[in-house]
Amino acid sequence: MPAGAEPEVVGSTAFQARVQQALALLKVRDPAAHAIVKAYVGRIEQAARSGMRAYVYPPTFFLTDAAANYSVTWAAAVIAHDSCHSKLYHDYRGTHPGVEVPRREWAGIESEVRCMKHQMAVMRRIGASQRKIDHALANADGHYGSDRGVR
């Protein structure tokens, strides 16, 4: 997918404001992560469960109020995390035209580990607290995605 515009944000006024704050934080403190979000996430939508739907158009990240409202840095980190999943999906699709993207290529344990590493690096660059980084680190073995029951 080519670089795009800022994702469309769908949800309550408060949700939209928090997501816009998170995107602005990424833009200022981690422009590379922000560029991945712009390229691989077309919509961020308020939802009861969080998860990335990279296979829809536009690629949509469903985000819970709890994750969005925990803190601006946490919202930015989880947006960056799921943009990584979408990037993996679209990178595979780009190198294997006409082939269905296997789930393990973008949403399996190995992909979760890669996206958790990305999330932790982003968290450090955007100034997340050590407590939040430690929480992400505790989930960096890939079980986090399967615990959420998403994707």
Foldseek 3Di string as FASTA:
>chain_A
DDFADQAAEEDDPVLVVLLVLLLVLCVPQPVVLNRLLRRQARYEYEDPAFAWDLPDVPTYTYDYPCQSVVHSLSSNLVSSLRSLLSVQLVVVCVVPPPDHRDCCSRPAQVNNLVSLVRSLVSSVRSPHDPVVSVVSVVCNSRCVSVVRVYD
